[in-house]
Protein backbone atom coordinates (compact mmCIF):
# COMPACT_ATOMS: atom_id res chain seq x y z
CA MET A 1 39.10 -157.60 -118.87
CA ARG A 2 40.71 -154.17 -119.00
CA ALA A 3 44.49 -154.01 -119.19
CA SER A 4 46.64 -151.95 -116.82
CA HIS A 5 49.73 -149.89 -117.59
CA ALA A 6 51.91 -152.73 -116.30
CA ASP A 7 50.17 -155.17 -118.67
CA ARG A 8 50.87 -152.89 -121.61
CA GLU A 9 54.51 -152.56 -120.52
CA ARG A 10 54.90 -156.36 -120.41
CA ALA A 11 53.42 -156.65 -123.90
CA ILE A 12 55.77 -153.93 -125.14
CA ASP A 13 58.70 -155.85 -123.62
CA VAL A 14 57.64 -158.96 -125.55
CA LEU A 15 57.44 -156.88 -128.74
CA LYS A 16 60.90 -155.38 -128.10
CA ALA A 17 62.34 -158.86 -127.63
CA GLY A 18 60.68 -160.05 -130.83
CA PHE A 19 62.08 -157.10 -132.76
CA SER A 20 65.61 -157.49 -131.33
CA GLU A 21 65.56 -161.22 -132.20
CA GLY A 22 64.59 -160.44 -135.78
CA ARG A 23 61.08 -161.88 -135.54
CA LEU A 24 59.47 -158.54 -136.45
CA GLY A 25 60.39 -156.04 -139.12
CA GLN A 26 60.74 -152.34 -138.32
CA ALA A 27 57.36 -151.33 -139.77
CA GLU A 28 55.45 -154.18 -138.15
CA TYR A 29 57.18 -153.53 -134.81
CA GLU A 30 56.22 -149.86 -134.86
CA GLN A 31 52.64 -150.68 -135.83
CA ARG A 32 52.27 -153.24 -133.02
CA LEU A 33 53.96 -150.91 -130.54
CA THR A 34 51.45 -148.16 -131.33
CA ARG A 35 48.55 -150.58 -130.98
CA ALA A 36 49.96 -151.88 -127.67
CA THR A 37 50.21 -148.42 -126.14
CA HIS A 38 46.56 -147.76 -127.03
CA ALA A 39 45.22 -151.22 -126.08
CA GLN A 40 42.42 -151.24 -123.54
CA THR A 41 41.91 -154.98 -122.92
CA TYR A 42 43.90 -158.17 -122.49
CA ALA A 43 42.39 -159.47 -125.72
CA GLU A 44 43.85 -156.58 -127.70
CA LEU A 45 47.28 -157.16 -126.14
CA SER A 46 47.22 -160.93 -126.60
CA VAL A 47 46.50 -160.54 -130.33
CA LEU A 48 49.62 -158.39 -130.66
CA ILE A 49 51.98 -160.87 -129.00
CA ALA A 50 50.30 -164.23 -129.69
CA ASP A 51 52.80 -165.21 -132.40
CA LEU A 52 55.88 -164.24 -130.35
CA PRO A 53 57.68 -166.29 -127.65
CA GLN A 54 56.88 -164.89 -124.21
CA GLY A 55 59.54 -166.57 -122.14
CA PRO A 56 62.65 -168.72 -122.35
CA VAL A 57 60.73 -171.73 -123.70
CA PRO A 58 57.91 -171.23 -126.21
CA MET A 59 54.68 -172.85 -125.06
CA PRO A 60 52.57 -174.88 -127.48
CA PRO A 61 49.11 -173.41 -127.92
CA ALA A 62 46.49 -174.78 -125.56
CA PRO A 63 43.45 -176.50 -127.06
CA GLN A 64 40.82 -173.86 -127.71
CA GLN A 65 37.44 -174.25 -126.10
CA SER A 66 34.43 -172.24 -127.12
CA GLY A 67 34.84 -168.71 -125.80
CA TYR A 68 37.99 -169.60 -123.85
CA GLN A 69 41.20 -167.65 -124.36
CA PRO A 70 44.09 -168.54 -122.06
CA VAL A 71 45.88 -165.71 -120.31
CA PRO A 72 49.45 -165.46 -121.63
CA ARG A 73 52.17 -166.31 -119.10
CA THR A 74 53.38 -162.73 -119.34
CA PHE A 75 50.27 -161.46 -117.57
CA LEU A 76 50.03 -164.04 -114.78
CA PRO A 77 51.05 -162.89 -111.29
CA ALA A 78 54.22 -164.22 -109.71
CA PRO A 79 53.75 -167.04 -107.20
CA PRO A 80 53.69 -165.91 -103.56
CA PRO A 81 56.94 -166.16 -101.62
CA ARG A 82 57.50 -169.40 -99.70
CA THR A 83 57.39 -169.47 -95.89
CA ASN A 84 60.58 -170.77 -94.30
CA GLY A 85 60.03 -174.22 -92.78
CA THR A 86 62.63 -173.73 -90.09
CA ALA A 87 60.77 -170.63 -88.88
CA ILE A 88 57.58 -172.67 -88.62
CA GLY A 89 59.51 -175.30 -86.63
CA ALA A 90 60.83 -172.60 -84.26
CA LEU A 91 57.30 -171.33 -83.65
CA VAL A 92 55.93 -174.83 -83.03
CA CYS A 93 58.73 -175.63 -80.57
CA GLY A 94 58.14 -172.30 -78.82
CA ILE A 95 54.41 -172.98 -78.49
CA LEU A 96 55.05 -176.50 -77.13
CA THR A 97 57.51 -175.23 -74.49
CA PRO A 98 54.92 -174.82 -71.67
CA VAL A 99 53.77 -178.41 -72.26
CA TYR A 100 57.10 -180.20 -72.76
CA GLY A 101 59.67 -177.72 -71.41
CA LEU A 102 62.62 -179.12 -73.34
CA THR A 103 61.45 -177.64 -76.64
CA ALA A 104 62.70 -174.20 -75.55
CA ILE A 105 66.26 -174.95 -76.66
CA PRO A 106 65.27 -176.18 -80.15
CA ALA A 107 62.98 -173.14 -80.46
CA VAL A 108 65.93 -170.80 -79.88
CA VAL A 109 68.28 -172.73 -82.16
CA LEU A 110 65.72 -173.06 -84.96
CA GLY A 111 64.76 -169.39 -84.59
CA HIS A 112 68.35 -168.23 -85.11
CA VAL A 113 68.87 -170.61 -88.05
CA ALA A 114 65.58 -169.48 -89.63
CA LYS A 115 66.50 -165.79 -89.30
CA ALA A 116 69.80 -166.44 -91.10
CA GLN A 117 68.09 -168.43 -93.86
CA ILE A 118 65.41 -165.75 -94.33
CA ARG A 119 68.05 -163.04 -94.68
CA ARG A 120 69.91 -165.16 -97.24
CA THR A 121 66.95 -166.40 -99.33
CA GLY A 122 64.31 -163.67 -98.89
CA GLU A 123 61.64 -166.16 -97.81
CA GLU A 124 58.71 -165.24 -95.59
CA GLY A 125 58.41 -166.25 -91.92
CA SER A 126 60.51 -163.73 -90.02
CA GLY A 127 57.67 -163.22 -87.54
CA PHE A 128 57.41 -166.95 -86.91
CA ALA A 129 61.14 -167.15 -86.21
CA THR A 130 60.99 -164.15 -83.86
CA ALA A 131 58.02 -165.63 -81.98
CA GLY A 132 59.87 -168.94 -81.58
CA LEU A 133 62.95 -167.09 -80.29
CA VAL A 134 60.94 -165.03 -77.79
CA LEU A 135 59.02 -168.02 -76.47
CA GLY A 136 62.18 -170.13 -76.23
CA TRP A 137 64.25 -167.50 -74.41
CA LEU A 138 61.32 -166.67 -72.16
CA ALA A 139 60.96 -170.32 -71.14
CA ILE A 140 64.72 -170.63 -70.56
CA GLY A 141 64.64 -167.49 -68.39
CA VAL A 142 61.71 -168.77 -66.35
CA ALA A 143 63.45 -172.14 -65.87
CA LEU A 144 66.68 -170.46 -64.74
CA ALA A 145 64.76 -168.20 -62.34
CA GLY A 146 63.02 -171.28 -60.90
CA ILE A 147 66.31 -173.09 -60.42
CA LEU A 148 67.85 -170.05 -58.71
CA ALA A 149 64.81 -169.69 -56.45
CA VAL A 150 65.11 -173.35 -55.36
CA VAL A 151 68.89 -172.98 -54.75
CA PHE A 152 68.50 -169.83 -52.65
CA ALA A 153 65.51 -171.25 -50.77
CA ALA A 154 67.54 -174.33 -49.82
CA ALA A 155 70.48 -172.24 -48.58
């Protein structure tokens, strides 16, 4: 598979770390750096950094299968951000409000708590929290309007 500019930059970062830790001499570092900047494929890059640690804990080599070369951790994408569970709870309570009615209050409370957690942690789910808030406040408004209508109709 062809390597991108970002892949080459990650390999160069691994080489820089190896040189600064004393794992590579000046001449070998410069030679590998030149080869890394001209590398076209993952295979070319992995050969250059295979003998260097690529993270805080060196990984033991995986058992080799015929034709199989594992992708180094350096080139794997980051895991997707997690969705906030409280935001999901706010949305569920908001959706259940027309059926049960009393879930409007938990929808509003959970929505506000989820918004604060999302701002603090950077998780996903802001839309879920907003939807829960809107549905909860809408149900509370409809309930209050109904109560006022009954009170004024009785008077």
